């Protein structure tokens, strides 16, 4: 589970990095691309974080 926690934290950091790039990009198409990538990574990070924080059921299944 530590491995997954590290992954969602890394995704969140990458999302923040793309958000910064989207603000500093001079090309409008790059701005939009970086924003979209940042948004997608932020969503993935949130979904993974929620999965990690959810407790497994009695059978040990995570996806219930």
PDB file of N, CA and C in Angstrom:
ATOM      1  N   UNK A   1       0.814  -1.184   0.000  1.00  0.00           N
ATOM      2  CA  UNK A   1       0.000   0.000   0.000  1.00  0.00           C
ATOM      3  C   UNK A   1       0.867   1.261   0.000  1.00  0.00           C
ATOM      4  N   UNK A   2       2.052   1.204   0.595  1.00  0.00           N
ATOM      5  CA  UNK A   2       2.949   2.360   0.557  1.00  0.00           C
ATOM      6  C   UNK A   2       3.303   2.707  -0.881  1.00  0.00           C
ATOM      7  N   UNK A   3       3.470   1.675  -1.696  1.00  0.00           N
ATOM      8  CA  UNK A   3       3.813   1.892  -3.093  1.00  0.00           C
ATOM      9  C   UNK A   3       2.721   2.697  -3.795  1.00  0.00           C
ATOM     10  N   UNK A   4       1.449   2.347  -3.533  1.00  0.00           N
ATOM     11  CA  UNK A   4       0.346   3.071  -4.154  1.00  0.00           C
ATOM     12  C   UNK A   4       0.246   4.497  -3.619  1.00  0.00           C
ATOM     13  N   UNK A   5       0.519   4.666  -2.338  1.00  0.00           N
ATOM     14  CA  UNK A   5       0.495   6.010  -1.762  1.00  0.00           C
ATOM     15  C   UNK A   5       1.542   6.885  -2.445  1.00  0.00           C
ATOM     16  N   UNK A   6       2.709   6.330  -2.648  1.00  0.00           N
ATOM     17  CA  UNK A   6       3.754   7.074  -3.348  1.00  0.00           C
ATOM     18  C   UNK A   6       3.354   7.418  -4.770  1.00  0.00           C
ATOM     19  N   UNK A   7       2.655   6.499  -5.424  1.00  0.00           N
ATOM     20  CA  UNK A   7       2.234   6.739  -6.808  1.00  0.00           C
ATOM     21  C   UNK A   7       1.227   7.880  -6.889  1.00  0.00           C
ATOM     22  N   UNK A   8       0.222   7.905  -5.981  1.00  0.00           N
ATOM     23  CA  UNK A   8      -0.753   8.989  -6.090  1.00  0.00           C
ATOM     24  C   UNK A   8      -0.134  10.330  -5.701  1.00  0.00           C
ATOM     25  N   UNK A   9       0.811  10.300  -4.796  1.00  0.00           N
ATOM     26  CA  UNK A   9       1.486  11.554  -4.454  1.00  0.00           C
ATOM     27  C   UNK A   9       2.329  12.051  -5.632  1.00  0.00           C
ATOM     28  N   UNK A  10       2.947  11.128  -6.337  1.00  0.00           N
ATOM     29  CA  UNK A  10       3.732  11.495  -7.517  1.00  0.00           C
ATOM     30  C   UNK A  10       2.818  12.029  -8.632  1.00  0.00           C
ATOM     31  N   UNK A  11       1.664  11.381  -8.814  1.00  0.00           N
ATOM     32  CA  UNK A  11       0.705  11.867  -9.805  1.00  0.00           C
ATOM     33  C   UNK A  11       0.257  13.286  -9.468  1.00  0.00           C
ATOM     34  N   UNK A  12       0.002  13.535  -8.198  1.00  0.00           N
ATOM     35  CA  UNK A  12      -0.428  14.865  -7.766  1.00  0.00           C
ATOM     36  C   UNK A  12       0.680  15.886  -8.027  1.00  0.00           C
ATOM     37  N   UNK A  13       1.919  15.516  -7.744  1.00  0.00           N
ATOM     38  CA  UNK A  13       3.046  16.427  -8.001  1.00  0.00           C
ATOM     39  C   UNK A  13       3.190  16.693  -9.497  1.00  0.00           C
ATOM     40  N   UNK A  14       3.032  15.653 -10.306  1.00  0.00           N
ATOM     41  CA  UNK A  14       3.108  15.840 -11.756  1.00  0.00           C
ATOM     42  C   UNK A  14       1.974  16.730 -12.253  1.00  0.00           C
ATOM     43  N   UNK A  15       0.780  16.561 -11.689  1.00  0.00           N
ATOM     44  CA  UNK A  15      -0.360  17.405 -12.073  1.00  0.00           C
ATOM     45  C   UNK A  15      -0.064  18.867 -11.757  1.00  0.00           C
ATOM     46  N   UNK A  16       0.517  19.112 -10.605  1.00  0.00           N
ATOM     47  CA  UNK A  16       0.871  20.482 -10.223  1.00  0.00           C
ATOM     48  C   UNK A  16       1.923  21.055 -11.178  1.00  0.00           C
ATOM     49  N   UNK A  17       2.890  20.225 -11.544  1.00  0.00           N
ATOM     50  CA  UNK A  17       3.933  20.649 -12.475  1.00  0.00           C
ATOM     51  C   UNK A  17       3.324  21.047 -13.823  1.00  0.00           C
ATOM     52  N   UNK A  18       2.393  20.234 -14.332  1.00  0.00           N
ATOM     53  CA  UNK A  18       1.750  20.562 -15.600  1.00  0.00           C
ATOM     54  C   UNK A  18       0.914  21.832 -15.483  1.00  0.00           C
ATOM     55  N   UNK A  19       0.293  22.052 -14.328  1.00  0.00           N
ATOM     56  CA  UNK A  19      -0.475  23.282 -14.127  1.00  0.00           C
ATOM     57  C   UNK A  19       0.446  24.501 -14.211  1.00  0.00           C
ATOM     58  N   UNK A  20       1.611  24.393 -13.623  1.00  0.00           N
ATOM     59  CA  UNK A  20       2.587  25.488 -13.687  1.00  0.00           C
ATOM     60  C   UNK A  20       3.052  25.701 -15.126  1.00  0.00           C
ATOM     61  N   UNK A  21       3.307  24.596 -15.824  1.00  0.00           N
ATOM     62  CA  UNK A  21       3.726  24.716 -17.233  1.00  0.00           C
ATOM     63  C   UNK A  21       2.638  25.367 -18.076  1.00  0.00           C
ATOM     64  N   UNK A  22       1.377  25.055 -17.780  1.00  0.00           N
ATOM     65  CA  UNK A  22       0.282  25.617 -18.579  1.00  0.00           C
ATOM     66  C   UNK A  22       0.199  27.134 -18.409  1.00  0.00           C
ATOM     67  N   UNK A  23       0.551  27.624 -17.248  1.00  0.00           N
ATOM     68  CA  UNK A  23       0.520  29.068 -17.004  1.00  0.00           C
ATOM     69  C   UNK A  23       1.705  29.761 -17.677  1.00  0.00           C
ATOM     70  N   UNK A  24       2.851  29.089 -17.671  1.00  0.00           N
ATOM     71  CA  UNK A  24       4.059  29.732 -18.189  1.00  0.00           C
ATOM     72  C   UNK A  24       4.283  29.511 -19.686  1.00  0.00           C
ATOM     73  N   UNK A  25       3.539  28.620 -20.307  1.00  0.00           N
ATOM     74  CA  UNK A  25       3.728  28.361 -21.742  1.00  0.00           C
ATOM     75  C   UNK A  25       3.309  29.581 -22.556  1.00  0.00           C
ATOM     76  N   UNK A  26       4.080  29.879 -23.580  1.00  0.00           N
ATOM     77  CA  UNK A  26       3.759  31.023 -24.431  1.00  0.00           C
ATOM     78  C   UNK A  26       2.871  30.640 -25.611  1.00  0.00           C
ATOM     79  N   UNK A  27       2.963  29.405 -26.037  1.00  0.00           N
ATOM     80  CA  UNK A  27       2.151  28.914 -27.149  1.00  0.00           C
ATOM     81  C   UNK A  27       0.774  28.507 -26.625  1.00  0.00           C
ATOM     82  N   UNK A  28      -0.300  29.049 -27.185  1.00  0.00           N
ATOM     83  CA  UNK A  28      -1.646  28.717 -26.703  1.00  0.00           C
ATOM     84  C   UNK A  28      -1.983  27.221 -26.776  1.00  0.00           C
ATOM     85  N   UNK A  29      -1.512  26.543 -27.811  1.00  0.00           N
ATOM     86  CA  UNK A  29      -1.801  25.110 -27.916  1.00  0.00           C
ATOM     87  C   UNK A  29      -1.049  24.329 -26.836  1.00  0.00           C
ATOM     88  N   UNK A  30       0.163  24.752 -26.514  1.00  0.00           N
ATOM     89  CA  UNK A  30       0.902  24.102 -25.427  1.00  0.00           C
ATOM     90  C   UNK A  30       0.241  24.380 -24.087  1.00  0.00           C
ATOM     91  N   UNK A  31      -0.242  25.611 -23.910  1.00  0.00           N
ATOM     92  CA  UNK A  31      -0.945  25.960 -22.683  1.00  0.00           C
ATOM     93  C   UNK A  31      -2.124  25.023 -22.454  1.00  0.00           C
ATOM     94  N   UNK A  32      -2.918  24.843 -23.504  1.00  0.00           N
ATOM     95  CA  UNK A  32      -4.093  23.978 -23.408  1.00  0.00           C
ATOM     96  C   UNK A  32      -3.696  22.531 -23.158  1.00  0.00           C
ATOM     97  N   UNK A  33      -2.666  22.057 -23.852  1.00  0.00           N
ATOM     98  CA  UNK A  33      -2.202  20.683 -23.666  1.00  0.00           C
ATOM     99  C   UNK A  33      -1.735  20.445 -22.231  1.00  0.00           C
ATOM    100  N   UNK A  34      -0.913  21.344 -21.706  1.00  0.00           N
ATOM    101  CA  UNK A  34      -0.416  21.186 -20.341  1.00  0.00           C
ATOM    102  C   UNK A  34      -1.549  21.251 -19.321  1.00  0.00           C
ATOM    103  N   UNK A  35      -2.514  22.132 -19.574  1.00  0.00           N
ATOM    104  CA  UNK A  35      -3.660  22.222 -18.672  1.00  0.00           C
ATOM    105  C   UNK A  35      -4.448  20.920 -18.677  1.00  0.00           C
ATOM    106  N   UNK A  36      -4.700  20.394 -19.863  1.00  0.00           N
ATOM    107  CA  UNK A  36      -5.466  19.155 -19.988  1.00  0.00           C
ATOM    108  C   UNK A  36      -4.736  17.989 -19.334  1.00  0.00           C
ATOM    109  N   UNK A  37      -3.425  17.895 -19.550  1.00  0.00           N
ATOM    110  CA  UNK A  37      -2.639  16.832 -18.929  1.00  0.00           C
ATOM    111  C   UNK A  37      -2.648  16.959 -17.404  1.00  0.00           C
ATOM    112  N   UNK A  38      -2.508  18.178 -16.915  1.00  0.00           N
ATOM    113  CA  UNK A  38      -2.549  18.408 -15.474  1.00  0.00           C
ATOM    114  C   UNK A  38      -3.889  18.010 -14.875  1.00  0.00           C
ATOM    115  N   UNK A  39      -4.959  18.372 -15.564  1.00  0.00           N
ATOM    116  CA  UNK A  39      -6.298  18.010 -15.089  1.00  0.00           C
ATOM    117  C   UNK A  39      -6.484  16.493 -15.050  1.00  0.00           C
ATOM    118  N   UNK A  40      -6.042  15.825 -16.094  1.00  0.00           N
ATOM    119  CA  UNK A  40      -6.178  14.360 -16.149  1.00  0.00           C
ATOM    120  C   UNK A  40      -5.370  13.685 -15.039  1.00  0.00           C
ATOM    121  N   UNK A  41      -4.151  14.156 -14.824  1.00  0.00           N
ATOM    122  CA  UNK A  41      -3.330  13.580 -13.759  1.00  0.00           C
ATOM    123  C   UNK A  41      -3.918  13.850 -12.384  1.00  0.00           C
ATOM    124  N   UNK A  42      -4.499  15.014 -12.194  1.00  0.00           N
ATOM    125  CA  UNK A  42      -5.134  15.338 -10.912  1.00  0.00           C
ATOM    126  C   UNK A  42      -6.313  14.407 -10.646  1.00  0.00           C
ATOM    127  N   UNK A  43      -7.083  14.109 -11.672  1.00  0.00           N
ATOM    128  CA  UNK A  43      -8.213  13.181 -11.523  1.00  0.00           C
ATOM    129  C   UNK A  43      -7.703  11.785 -11.194  1.00  0.00           C
ATOM    130  N   UNK A  44      -6.679  11.338 -11.913  1.00  0.00           N
ATOM    131  CA  UNK A  44      -6.104  10.012 -11.638  1.00  0.00           C
ATOM    132  C   UNK A  44      -5.557   9.935 -10.216  1.00  0.00           C
ATOM    133  N   UNK A  45      -4.897  10.993  -9.774  1.00  0.00           N
ATOM    134  CA  UNK A  45      -4.346  11.020  -8.413  1.00  0.00           C
ATOM    135  C   UNK A  45      -5.464  10.922  -7.381  1.00  0.00           C
ATOM    136  N   UNK A  46      -6.549  11.656  -7.608  1.00  0.00           N
ATOM    137  CA  UNK A  46      -7.671  11.618  -6.676  1.00  0.00           C
ATOM    138  C   UNK A  46      -8.301  10.233  -6.624  1.00  0.00           C
ATOM    139  N   UNK A  47      -8.493   9.618  -7.785  1.00  0.00           N
ATOM    140  CA  UNK A  47      -9.083   8.280  -7.815  1.00  0.00           C
ATOM    141  C   UNK A  47      -8.193   7.262  -7.105  1.00  0.00           C
ATOM    142  N   UNK A  48      -6.897   7.339  -7.326  1.00  0.00           N
ATOM    143  CA  UNK A  48      -5.974   6.408  -6.684  1.00  0.00           C
ATOM    144  C   UNK A  48      -5.912   6.665  -5.182  1.00  0.00           C
ATOM    145  N   UNK A  49      -5.923   7.915  -4.787  1.00  0.00           N
ATOM    146  CA  UNK A  49      -5.919   8.247  -3.365  1.00  0.00           C
ATOM    147  C   UNK A  49      -7.152   7.674  -2.665  1.00  0.00           C
ATOM    148  N   UNK A  50      -8.311   7.819  -3.294  1.00  0.00           N
ATOM    149  CA  UNK A  50      -9.537   7.279  -2.713  1.00  0.00           C
ATOM    150  C   UNK A  50      -9.469   5.763  -2.601  1.00  0.00           C
ATOM    151  N   UNK A  51      -8.897   5.114  -3.585  1.00  0.00           N
ATOM    152  CA  UNK A  51      -8.750   3.670  -3.553  1.00  0.00           C
ATOM    153  C   UNK A  51      -7.818   3.234  -2.429  1.00  0.00           C
ATOM    154  N   UNK A  52      -6.719   3.931  -2.258  1.00  0.00           N
ATOM    155  CA  UNK A  52      -5.746   3.602  -1.218  1.00  0.00           C
ATOM    156  C   UNK A  52      -6.353   3.795   0.167  1.00  0.00           C
ATOM    157  N   UNK A  53      -7.145   4.842   0.322  1.00  0.00           N
ATOM    158  CA  UNK A  53      -7.711   5.143   1.634  1.00  0.00           C
ATOM    159  C   UNK A  53      -8.903   4.259   2.000  1.00  0.00           C
ATOM    160  N   UNK A  54      -9.463   3.581   1.013  1.00  0.00           N
ATOM    161  CA  UNK A  54     -10.583   2.696   1.280  1.00  0.00           C
ATOM    162  C   UNK A  54     -10.056   1.412   1.914  1.00  0.00           C
ATOM    163  N   UNK A  55     -10.734   0.938   2.908  1.00  0.00           N
ATOM    164  CA  UNK A  55     -10.296  -0.285   3.583  1.00  0.00           C
ATOM    165  C   UNK A  55     -10.794  -1.502   2.814  1.00  0.00           C
ATOM    166  N   UNK A  56      -9.981  -2.561   2.751  1.00  0.00           N
ATOM    167  CA  UNK A  56     -10.429  -3.782   2.072  1.00  0.00           C
ATOM    168  C   UNK A  56     -11.545  -4.449   2.868  1.00  0.00           C
ATOM    169  N   UNK A  57     -12.399  -5.190   2.163  1.00  0.00           N
ATOM    170  CA  UNK A  57     -13.460  -5.919   2.870  1.00  0.00           C
ATOM    171  C   UNK A  57     -12.869  -7.157   3.546  1.00  0.00           C
ATOM    172  N   UNK A  58     -13.694  -7.961   4.148  1.00  0.00           N
ATOM    173  CA  UNK A  58     -13.224  -9.120   4.921  1.00  0.00           C
ATOM    174  C   UNK A  58     -12.475 -10.138   4.062  1.00  0.00           C
ATOM    175  N   UNK A  59     -12.721 -10.187   2.768  1.00  0.00           N
ATOM    176  CA  UNK A  59     -12.037 -11.117   1.867  1.00  0.00           C
ATOM    177  C   UNK A  59     -10.733 -10.527   1.339  1.00  0.00           C
ATOM    178  N   UNK A  60     -10.465  -9.281   1.670  1.00  0.00           N
ATOM    179  CA  UNK A  60      -9.252  -8.649   1.187  1.00  0.00           C
ATOM    180  C   UNK A  60      -9.410  -7.999  -0.164  1.00  0.00           C
ATOM    181  N   UNK A  61     -10.647  -7.933  -0.689  1.00  0.00           N
ATOM    182  CA  UNK A  61     -10.886  -7.312  -1.983  1.00  0.00           C
ATOM    183  C   UNK A  61     -10.876  -5.795  -1.843  1.00  0.00           C
ATOM    184  N   UNK A  62     -10.184  -5.117  -2.735  1.00  0.00           N
ATOM    185  CA  UNK A  62     -10.124  -3.667  -2.698  1.00  0.00           C
ATOM    186  C   UNK A  62     -11.247  -3.031  -3.501  1.00  0.00           C
ATOM    187  N   UNK A  63     -11.716  -3.678  -4.520  1.00  0.00           N
ATOM    188  CA  UNK A  63     -12.674  -3.065  -5.415  1.00  0.00           C
ATOM    189  C   UNK A  63     -14.101  -3.552  -5.141  1.00  0.00           C
ATOM    190  N   UNK A  64     -14.637  -3.113  -4.020  1.00  0.00           N
ATOM    191  CA  UNK A  64     -16.029  -3.495  -3.687  1.00  0.00           C
ATOM    192  C   UNK A  64     -16.889  -2.289  -3.534  1.00  0.00           C
TER     193      UNK A  64
END
